[in-house]
Amino acid sequence: MLFLINDVYAGVITSAPPISSYFDAVLMFLLTIVGTLSVIACVVAGIMYMTAGGDSKRVMLAKKALVGSIIGIVVTILSLVIVTTVVHLV
């Protein structure tokens, strides 16, 4: 939030940062949250798998949760690459 205050006193409009820098900051923040949650979900799925105790339903649930969290991590990394590439091209 502090970076918004500095831009109010930018002076000449040409010295103000482009609007894409704000979108970049917001997207990076959201991707960081999603990536962190995906890693936490992966850890929770691993704990579910270890504590299943041989129950096939719990093992299947843990495997589905692990696959979903890995897909979340992959999507987050690909989104990060795409956003970074697009922002630096503009």
PDB file of N, CA and C in Angstrom:
ATOM      1  N   MET A   1       0.820  -1.189   0.000  1.00  0.00           N
ATOM      2  CA  MET A   1       0.000   0.000   0.000  1.00  0.00           C
ATOM      3  C   MET A   1       0.867   1.257   0.000  1.00  0.00           C
ATOM      4  N   LEU A   2       2.074   1.137   0.482  1.00  0.00           N
ATOM      5  CA  LEU A   2       2.961   2.277   0.557  1.00  0.00           C
ATOM      6  C   LEU A   2       3.358   2.775  -0.821  1.00  0.00           C
ATOM      7  N   PHE A   3       3.443   1.877  -1.818  1.00  0.00           N
ATOM      8  CA  PHE A   3       3.855   2.304  -3.148  1.00  0.00           C
ATOM      9  C   PHE A   3       2.812   3.210  -3.793  1.00  0.00           C
ATOM     10  N   LEU A   4       1.558   3.147  -3.371  1.00  0.00           N
ATOM     11  CA  LEU A   4       0.528   4.035  -3.914  1.00  0.00           C
ATOM     12  C   LEU A   4       0.709   5.464  -3.412  1.00  0.00           C
ATOM     13  N   ILE A   5       1.157   5.617  -2.192  1.00  0.00           N
ATOM     14  CA  ILE A   5       1.342   6.944  -1.619  1.00  0.00           C
ATOM     15  C   ILE A   5       2.469   7.685  -2.332  1.00  0.00           C
ATOM     16  N   ASN A   6       3.527   6.986  -2.683  1.00  0.00           N
ATOM     17  CA  ASN A   6       4.643   7.629  -3.370  1.00  0.00           C
ATOM     18  C   ASN A   6       4.239   8.133  -4.747  1.00  0.00           C
ATOM     19  N   ASP A   7       3.313   7.470  -5.398  1.00  0.00           N
ATOM     20  CA  ASP A   7       2.908   7.860  -6.740  1.00  0.00           C
ATOM     21  C   ASP A   7       2.025   9.106  -6.743  1.00  0.00           C
ATOM     22  N   VAL A   8       1.398   9.425  -5.641  1.00  0.00           N
ATOM     23  CA  VAL A   8       0.566  10.619  -5.571  1.00  0.00           C
ATOM     24  C   VAL A   8       1.429  11.870  -5.711  1.00  0.00           C
ATOM     25  N   TYR A   9       2.620  11.823  -5.201  1.00  0.00           N
ATOM     26  CA  TYR A   9       3.520  12.961  -5.242  1.00  0.00           C
ATOM     27  C   TYR A   9       4.550  12.826  -6.372  1.00  0.00           C
ATOM     28  N   ALA A  10       4.153  12.185  -7.467  1.00  0.00           N
ATOM     29  CA  ALA A  10       5.093  11.912  -8.549  1.00  0.00           C
ATOM     30  C   ALA A  10       5.516  13.175  -9.272  1.00  0.00           C
ATOM     31  N   GLY A  11       4.699  14.187  -9.283  1.00  0.00           N
ATOM     32  CA  GLY A  11       5.062  15.415  -9.980  1.00  0.00           C
ATOM     33  C   GLY A  11       4.601  15.370 -11.421  1.00  0.00           C
ATOM     34  N   VAL A  12       5.528  15.367 -12.340  1.00  0.00           N
ATOM     35  CA  VAL A  12       5.216  15.345 -13.757  1.00  0.00           C
ATOM     36  C   VAL A  12       4.632  13.990 -14.125  1.00  0.00           C
ATOM     37  N   ILE A  13       3.625  14.002 -14.994  1.00  0.00           N
ATOM     38  CA  ILE A  13       2.939  12.770 -15.347  1.00  0.00           C
ATOM     39  C   ILE A  13       3.874  11.763 -16.024  1.00  0.00           C
ATOM     40  N   THR A  14       4.901  12.240 -16.688  1.00  0.00           N
ATOM     41  CA  THR A  14       5.818  11.313 -17.349  1.00  0.00           C
ATOM     42  C   THR A  14       6.684  10.542 -16.358  1.00  0.00           C
ATOM     43  N   SER A  15       6.808  11.038 -15.143  1.00  0.00           N
ATOM     44  CA  SER A  15       7.600  10.320 -14.147  1.00  0.00           C
ATOM     45  C   SER A  15       6.767   9.297 -13.379  1.00  0.00           C
ATOM     46  N   ALA A  16       5.452   9.264 -13.616  1.00  0.00           N
ATOM     47  CA  ALA A  16       4.594   8.292 -12.942  1.00  0.00           C
ATOM     48  C   ALA A  16       4.800   6.909 -13.571  1.00  0.00           C
ATOM     49  N   PRO A  17       4.721   5.870 -12.766  1.00  0.00           N
ATOM     50  CA  PRO A  17       4.900   4.515 -13.317  1.00  0.00           C
ATOM     51  C   PRO A  17       3.706   4.136 -14.193  1.00  0.00           C
ATOM     52  N   PRO A  18       3.905   3.277 -15.163  1.00  0.00           N
ATOM     53  CA  PRO A  18       2.799   2.865 -16.038  1.00  0.00           C
ATOM     54  C   PRO A  18       1.781   2.022 -15.269  1.00  0.00           C
ATOM     55  N   ILE A  19       0.561   2.008 -15.763  1.00  0.00           N
ATOM     56  CA  ILE A  19      -0.511   1.269 -15.102  1.00  0.00           C
ATOM     57  C   ILE A  19      -0.221  -0.231 -15.092  1.00  0.00           C
ATOM     58  N   SER A  20       0.574  -0.696 -16.052  1.00  0.00           N
ATOM     59  CA  SER A  20       0.892  -2.124 -16.101  1.00  0.00           C
ATOM     60  C   SER A  20       1.699  -2.565 -14.885  1.00  0.00           C
ATOM     61  N   SER A  21       2.441  -1.651 -14.276  1.00  0.00           N
ATOM     62  CA  SER A  21       3.198  -2.027 -13.078  1.00  0.00           C
ATOM     63  C   SER A  21       2.265  -2.352 -11.916  1.00  0.00           C
ATOM     64  N   TYR A  22       1.114  -1.672 -11.853  1.00  0.00           N
ATOM     65  CA  TYR A  22       0.138  -1.983 -10.808  1.00  0.00           C
ATOM     66  C   TYR A  22      -0.500  -3.347 -11.056  1.00  0.00           C
ATOM     67  N   PHE A  23      -0.857  -3.616 -12.319  1.00  0.00           N
ATOM     68  CA  PHE A  23      -1.424  -4.917 -12.641  1.00  0.00           C
ATOM     69  C   PHE A  23      -0.422  -6.026 -12.369  1.00  0.00           C
ATOM     70  N   ASP A  24       0.829  -5.770 -12.679  1.00  0.00           N
ATOM     71  CA  ASP A  24       1.882  -6.750 -12.420  1.00  0.00           C
ATOM     72  C   ASP A  24       1.994  -7.034 -10.928  1.00  0.00           C
ATOM     73  N   ALA A  25       1.950  -6.000 -10.109  1.00  0.00           N
ATOM     74  CA  ALA A  25       2.061  -6.183  -8.657  1.00  0.00           C
ATOM     75  C   ALA A  25       0.874  -6.971  -8.107  1.00  0.00           C
ATOM     76  N   VAL A  26      -0.322  -6.664  -8.573  1.00  0.00           N
ATOM     77  CA  VAL A  26      -1.515  -7.370  -8.096  1.00  0.00           C
ATOM     78  C   VAL A  26      -1.479  -8.827  -8.536  1.00  0.00           C
ATOM     79  N   LEU A  27      -1.130  -9.072  -9.783  1.00  0.00           N
ATOM     80  CA  LEU A  27      -1.075 -10.452 -10.269  1.00  0.00           C
ATOM     81  C   LEU A  27       0.003 -11.259  -9.554  1.00  0.00           C
ATOM     82  N   MET A  28       1.140 -10.662  -9.311  1.00  0.00           N
ATOM     83  CA  MET A  28       2.200 -11.368  -8.586  1.00  0.00           C
ATOM     84  C   MET A  28       1.762 -11.705  -7.162  1.00  0.00           C
ATOM     85  N   PHE A  29       1.047 -10.778  -6.530  1.00  0.00           N
ATOM     86  CA  PHE A  29       0.539 -11.030  -5.183  1.00  0.00           C
ATOM     87  C   PHE A  29      -0.448 -12.197  -5.188  1.00  0.00           C
ATOM     88  N   LEU A  30      -1.382 -12.190  -6.138  1.00  0.00           N
ATOM     89  CA  LEU A  30      -2.372 -13.261  -6.211  1.00  0.00           C
ATOM     90  C   LEU A  30      -1.731 -14.605  -6.548  1.00  0.00           C
ATOM     91  N   LEU A  31      -0.765 -14.593  -7.456  1.00  0.00           N
ATOM     92  CA  LEU A  31      -0.085 -15.839  -7.799  1.00  0.00           C
ATOM     93  C   LEU A  31       0.733 -16.371  -6.629  1.00  0.00           C
ATOM     94  N   THR A  32       1.279 -15.490  -5.813  1.00  0.00           N
ATOM     95  CA  THR A  32       2.008 -15.917  -4.623  1.00  0.00           C
ATOM     96  C   THR A  32       1.065 -16.601  -3.638  1.00  0.00           C
ATOM     97  N   ILE A  33      -0.113 -16.037  -3.462  1.00  0.00           N
ATOM     98  CA  ILE A  33      -1.096 -16.640  -2.551  1.00  0.00           C
ATOM     99  C   ILE A  33      -1.539 -18.005  -3.064  1.00  0.00           C
ATOM    100  N   VAL A  34      -1.861 -18.086  -4.347  1.00  0.00           N
ATOM    101  CA  VAL A  34      -2.319 -19.352  -4.924  1.00  0.00           C
ATOM    102  C   VAL A  34      -1.211 -20.405  -4.867  1.00  0.00           C
ATOM    103  N   GLY A  35       0.009 -20.016  -5.166  1.00  0.00           N
ATOM    104  CA  GLY A  35       1.122 -20.962  -5.090  1.00  0.00           C
ATOM    105  C   GLY A  35       1.356 -21.471  -3.682  1.00  0.00           C
ATOM    106  N   THR A  36       1.279 -20.578  -2.714  1.00  0.00           N
ATOM    107  CA  THR A  36       1.453 -20.971  -1.317  1.00  0.00           C
ATOM    108  C   THR A  36       0.355 -21.933  -0.884  1.00  0.00           C
ATOM    109  N   LEU A  37      -0.877 -21.640  -1.256  1.00  0.00           N
ATOM    110  CA  LEU A  37      -1.987 -22.527  -0.905  1.00  0.00           C
ATOM    111  C   LEU A  37      -1.852 -23.892  -1.586  1.00  0.00           C
ATOM    112  N   SER A  38      -1.333 -23.914  -2.798  1.00  0.00           N
ATOM    113  CA  SER A  38      -1.131 -25.188  -3.492  1.00  0.00           C
ATOM    114  C   SER A  38      -0.075 -26.037  -2.796  1.00  0.00           C
ATOM    115  N   VAL A  39       0.992 -25.411  -2.345  1.00  0.00           N
ATOM    116  CA  VAL A  39       2.027 -26.154  -1.624  1.00  0.00           C
ATOM    117  C   VAL A  39       1.491 -26.662  -0.290  1.00  0.00           C
ATOM    118  N   ILE A  40       0.713 -25.849   0.401  1.00  0.00           N
ATOM    119  CA  ILE A  40       0.112 -26.288   1.668  1.00  0.00           C
ATOM    120  C   ILE A  40      -0.842 -27.455   1.420  1.00  0.00           C
ATOM    121  N   ALA A  41      -1.625 -27.385   0.328  1.00  0.00           N
ATOM    122  CA  ALA A  41      -2.528 -28.484  -0.007  1.00  0.00           C
ATOM    123  C   ALA A  41      -1.755 -29.758  -0.309  1.00  0.00           C
ATOM    124  N   CYS A  42      -0.595 -29.629  -0.923  1.00  0.00           N
ATOM    125  CA  CYS A  42       0.248 -30.790  -1.216  1.00  0.00           C
ATOM    126  C   CYS A  42       0.736 -31.430   0.083  1.00  0.00           C
ATOM    127  N   VAL A  43       1.137 -30.627   1.025  1.00  0.00           N
ATOM    128  CA  VAL A  43       1.589 -31.141   2.322  1.00  0.00           C
ATOM    129  C   VAL A  43       0.436 -31.819   3.063  1.00  0.00           C
ATOM    130  N   VAL A  44      -0.730 -31.198   3.048  1.00  0.00           N
ATOM    131  CA  VAL A  44      -1.901 -31.778   3.713  1.00  0.00           C
ATOM    132  C   VAL A  44      -2.277 -33.104   3.056  1.00  0.00           C
ATOM    133  N   ALA A  45      -2.215 -33.175   1.733  1.00  0.00           N
ATOM    134  CA  ALA A  45      -2.521 -34.424   1.036  1.00  0.00           C
ATOM    135  C   ALA A  45      -1.524 -35.511   1.420  1.00  0.00           C
ATOM    136  N   GLY A  46      -0.249 -35.146   1.574  1.00  0.00           N
ATOM    137  CA  GLY A  46       0.747 -36.115   2.014  1.00  0.00           C
ATOM    138  C   GLY A  46       0.469 -36.623   3.417  1.00  0.00           C
ATOM    139  N   ILE A  47       0.058 -35.727   4.287  1.00  0.00           N
ATOM    140  CA  ILE A  47      -0.290 -36.141   5.654  1.00  0.00           C
ATOM    141  C   ILE A  47      -1.521 -37.031   5.636  1.00  0.00           C
ATOM    142  N   MET A  48      -2.494 -36.698   4.792  1.00  0.00           N
ATOM    143  CA  MET A  48      -3.689 -37.545   4.663  1.00  0.00           C
ATOM    144  C   MET A  48      -3.307 -38.946   4.192  1.00  0.00           C
ATOM    145  N   TYR A  49      -2.381 -39.016   3.263  1.00  0.00           N
ATOM    146  CA  TYR A  49      -1.951 -40.306   2.725  1.00  0.00           C
ATOM    147  C   TYR A  49      -1.230 -41.129   3.791  1.00  0.00           C
ATOM    148  N   MET A  50      -0.374 -40.461   4.572  1.00  0.00           N
ATOM    149  CA  MET A  50       0.380 -41.183   5.597  1.00  0.00           C
ATOM    150  C   MET A  50      -0.510 -41.659   6.733  1.00  0.00           C
ATOM    151  N   THR A  51      -1.574 -40.916   7.024  1.00  0.00           N
ATOM    152  CA  THR A  51      -2.435 -41.291   8.140  1.00  0.00           C
ATOM    153  C   THR A  51      -3.663 -42.076   7.694  1.00  0.00           C
ATOM    154  N   ALA A  52      -3.710 -42.515   6.444  1.00  0.00           N
ATOM    155  CA  ALA A  52      -4.867 -43.256   5.940  1.00  0.00           C
ATOM    156  C   ALA A  52      -5.005 -44.610   6.624  1.00  0.00           C
ATOM    157  N   GLY A  53      -3.917 -45.189   7.032  1.00  0.00           N
ATOM    158  CA  GLY A  53      -3.966 -46.452   7.762  1.00  0.00           C
ATOM    159  C   GLY A  53      -4.479 -47.618   6.931  1.00  0.00           C
ATOM    160  N   GLY A  54      -4.310 -47.572   5.623  1.00  0.00           N
ATOM    161  CA  GLY A  54      -4.735 -48.682   4.779  1.00  0.00           C
ATOM    162  C   GLY A  54      -6.172 -48.598   4.304  1.00  0.00           C
ATOM    163  N   ASP A  55      -6.923 -47.607   4.764  1.00  0.00           N
ATOM    164  CA  ASP A  55      -8.303 -47.437   4.315  1.00  0.00           C
ATOM    165  C   ASP A  55      -8.281 -46.950   2.861  1.00  0.00           C
ATOM    166  N   SER A  56      -8.852 -47.760   1.971  1.00  0.00           N
ATOM    167  CA  SER A  56      -8.744 -47.463   0.539  1.00  0.00           C
ATOM    168  C   SER A  56      -9.457 -46.170   0.151  1.00  0.00           C
ATOM    169  N   LYS A  57     -10.546 -45.831   0.818  1.00  0.00           N
ATOM    170  CA  LYS A  57     -11.257 -44.580   0.495  1.00  0.00           C
ATOM    171  C   LYS A  57     -10.420 -43.361   0.874  1.00  0.00           C
ATOM    172  N   ARG A  58      -9.777 -43.428   2.025  1.00  0.00           N
ATOM    173  CA  ARG A  58      -8.934 -42.307   2.447  1.00  0.00           C
ATOM    174  C   ARG A  58      -7.683 -42.190   1.589  1.00  0.00           C
ATOM    175  N   VAL A  59      -7.148 -43.323   1.145  1.00  0.00           N
ATOM    176  CA  VAL A  59      -5.981 -43.308   0.270  1.00  0.00           C
ATOM    177  C   VAL A  59      -6.358 -42.673  -1.069  1.00  0.00           C
ATOM    178  N   MET A  60      -7.497 -43.043  -1.628  1.00  0.00           N
ATOM    179  CA  MET A  60      -7.947 -42.469  -2.900  1.00  0.00           C
ATOM    180  C   MET A  60      -8.211 -40.975  -2.759  1.00  0.00           C
ATOM    181  N   LEU A  61      -8.799 -40.559  -1.629  1.00  0.00           N
ATOM    182  CA  LEU A  61      -9.045 -39.140  -1.385  1.00  0.00           C
ATOM    183  C   LEU A  61      -7.730 -38.371  -1.290  1.00  0.00           C
ATOM    184  N   ALA A  62      -6.747 -38.963  -0.629  1.00  0.00           N
ATOM    185  CA  ALA A  62      -5.440 -38.308  -0.507  1.00  0.00           C
ATOM    186  C   ALA A  62      -4.757 -38.214  -1.865  1.00  0.00           C
ATOM    187  N   LYS A  63      -4.863 -39.250  -2.690  1.00  0.00           N
ATOM    188  CA  LYS A  63      -4.263 -39.218  -4.022  1.00  0.00           C
ATOM    189  C   LYS A  63      -4.915 -38.152  -4.893  1.00  0.00           C
ATOM    190  N   LYS A  64      -6.246 -38.037  -4.818  1.00  0.00           N
ATOM    191  CA  LYS A  64      -6.946 -37.007  -5.592  1.00  0.00           C
ATOM    192  C   LYS A  64      -6.538 -35.606  -5.122  1.00  0.00           C
ATOM    193  N   ALA A  65      -6.393 -35.444  -3.827  1.00  0.00           N
ATOM    194  CA  ALA A  65      -5.969 -34.144  -3.295  1.00  0.00           C
ATOM    195  C   ALA A  65      -4.543 -33.825  -3.726  1.00  0.00           C
ATOM    196  N   LEU A  66      -3.680 -34.824  -3.753  1.00  0.00           N
ATOM    197  CA  LEU A  66      -2.292 -34.610  -4.182  1.00  0.00           C
ATOM    198  C   LEU A  66      -2.222 -34.239  -5.664  1.00  0.00           C
ATOM    199  N   VAL A  67      -2.989 -34.929  -6.489  1.00  0.00           N
ATOM    200  CA  VAL A  67      -3.013 -34.612  -7.922  1.00  0.00           C
ATOM    201  C   VAL A  67      -3.550 -33.199  -8.136  1.00  0.00           C
ATOM    202  N   GLY A  68      -4.605 -32.839  -7.425  1.00  0.00           N
ATOM    203  CA  GLY A  68      -5.165 -31.492  -7.546  1.00  0.00           C
ATOM    204  C   GLY A  68      -4.193 -30.415  -7.112  1.00  0.00           C
ATOM    205  N   SER A  69      -3.460 -30.659  -6.045  1.00  0.00           N
ATOM    206  CA  SER A  69      -2.503 -29.660  -5.582  1.00  0.00           C
ATOM    207  C   SER A  69      -1.312 -29.541  -6.525  1.00  0.00           C
ATOM    208  N   ILE A  70      -0.886 -30.639  -7.112  1.00  0.00           N
ATOM    209  CA  ILE A  70       0.207 -30.574  -8.086  1.00  0.00           C
ATOM    210  C   ILE A  70      -0.249 -29.833  -9.337  1.00  0.00           C
ATOM    211  N   ILE A  71      -1.474 -30.064  -9.765  1.00  0.00           N
ATOM    212  CA  ILE A  71      -2.019 -29.310 -10.899  1.00  0.00           C
ATOM    213  C   ILE A  71      -2.069 -27.819 -10.561  1.00  0.00           C
ATOM    214  N   GLY A  72      -2.443 -27.488  -9.339  1.00  0.00           N
ATOM    215  CA  GLY A  72      -2.462 -26.092  -8.906  1.00  0.00           C
ATOM    216  C   GLY A  72      -1.082 -25.460  -8.944  1.00  0.00           C
ATOM    217  N   ILE A  73      -0.072 -26.206  -8.529  1.00  0.00           N
ATOM    218  CA  ILE A  73       1.305 -25.691  -8.564  1.00  0.00           C
ATOM    219  C   ILE A  73       1.754 -25.462 -10.004  1.00  0.00           C
ATOM    220  N   VAL A  74       1.453 -26.410 -10.886  1.00  0.00           N
ATOM    221  CA  VAL A  74       1.847 -26.279 -12.291  1.00  0.00           C
ATOM    222  C   VAL A  74       1.141 -25.092 -12.947  1.00  0.00           C
ATOM    223  N   VAL A  75      -0.150 -24.940 -12.691  1.00  0.00           N
ATOM    224  CA  VAL A  75      -0.901 -23.817 -13.264  1.00  0.00           C
ATOM    225  C   VAL A  75      -0.363 -22.490 -12.744  1.00  0.00           C
ATOM    226  N   THR A  76      -0.019 -22.439 -11.465  1.00  0.00           N
ATOM    227  CA  THR A  76       0.528 -21.215 -10.886  1.00  0.00           C
ATOM    228  C   THR A  76       1.863 -20.852 -11.522  1.00  0.00           C
ATOM    229  N   ILE A  77       2.733 -21.833 -11.700  1.00  0.00           N
ATOM    230  CA  ILE A  77       4.042 -21.564 -12.307  1.00  0.00           C
ATOM    231  C   ILE A  77       3.876 -21.122 -13.755  1.00  0.00           C
ATOM    232  N   LEU A  78       3.005 -21.797 -14.506  1.00  0.00           N
ATOM    233  CA  LEU A  78       2.777 -21.394 -15.895  1.00  0.00           C
ATOM    234  C   LEU A  78       2.165 -19.998 -15.982  1.00  0.00           C
ATOM    235  N   SER A  79       1.257 -19.675 -15.080  1.00  0.00           N
ATOM    236  CA  SER A  79       0.664 -18.334 -15.058  1.00  0.00           C
ATOM    237  C   SER A  79       1.718 -17.282 -14.757  1.00  0.00           C
ATOM    238  N   LEU A  80       2.594 -17.591 -13.842  1.00  0.00           N
ATOM    239  CA  LEU A  80       3.676 -16.670 -13.497  1.00  0.00           C
ATOM    240  C   LEU A  80       4.577 -16.418 -14.698  1.00  0.00           C
ATOM    241  N   VAL A  81       4.902 -17.468 -15.427  1.00  0.00           N
ATOM    242  CA  VAL A  81       5.746 -17.322 -16.615  1.00  0.00           C
ATOM    243  C   VAL A  81       5.035 -16.481 -17.675  1.00  0.00           C
ATOM    244  N   ILE A  82       3.759 -16.743 -17.902  1.00  0.00           N
ATOM    245  CA  ILE A  82       3.009 -16.003 -18.919  1.00  0.00           C
ATOM    246  C   ILE A  82       2.891 -14.533 -18.547  1.00  0.00           C
ATOM    247  N   VAL A  83       2.525 -14.251 -17.291  1.00  0.00           N
ATOM    248  CA  VAL A  83       2.370 -12.859 -16.855  1.00  0.00           C
ATOM    249  C   VAL A  83       3.698 -12.118 -16.941  1.00  0.00           C
ATOM    250  N   THR A  84       4.766 -12.744 -16.487  1.00  0.00           N
ATOM    251  CA  THR A  84       6.074 -12.097 -16.534  1.00  0.00           C
ATOM    252  C   THR A  84       6.494 -11.818 -17.975  1.00  0.00           C
ATOM    253  N   THR A  85       6.257 -12.755 -18.862  1.00  0.00           N
ATOM    254  CA  THR A  85       6.613 -12.583 -20.263  1.00  0.00           C
ATOM    255  C   THR A  85       5.815 -11.453 -20.894  1.00  0.00           C
ATOM    256  N   VAL A  86       4.517 -11.409 -20.653  1.00  0.00           N
ATOM    257  CA  VAL A  86       3.662 -10.385 -21.243  1.00  0.00           C
ATOM    258  C   VAL A  86       4.011  -8.999 -20.701  1.00  0.00           C
ATOM    259  N   VAL A  87       4.250  -8.894 -19.409  1.00  0.00           N
ATOM    260  CA  VAL A  87       4.563  -7.600 -18.812  1.00  0.00           C
ATOM    261  C   VAL A  87       5.892  -7.059 -19.346  1.00  0.00           C
ATOM    262  N   HIS A  88       6.859  -7.927 -19.520  1.00  0.00           N
ATOM    263  CA  HIS A  88       8.160  -7.462 -20.001  1.00  0.00           C
ATOM    264  C   HIS A  88       8.170  -7.181 -21.503  1.00  0.00           C
ATOM    265  N   LEU A  89       7.202  -7.703 -22.227  1.00  0.00           N
ATOM    266  CA  LEU A  89       7.104  -7.396 -23.650  1.00  0.00           C
ATOM    267  C   LEU A  89       6.434  -6.057 -23.896  1.00  0.00           C
ATOM    268  N   VAL A  90       5.608  -5.629 -22.961  1.00  0.00           N
ATOM    269  CA  VAL A  90       4.861  -4.373 -23.134  1.00  0.00           C
ATOM    270  C   VAL A  90       5.676  -3.199 -22.792  1.00  0.00           C
TER     271      VAL A  90
END
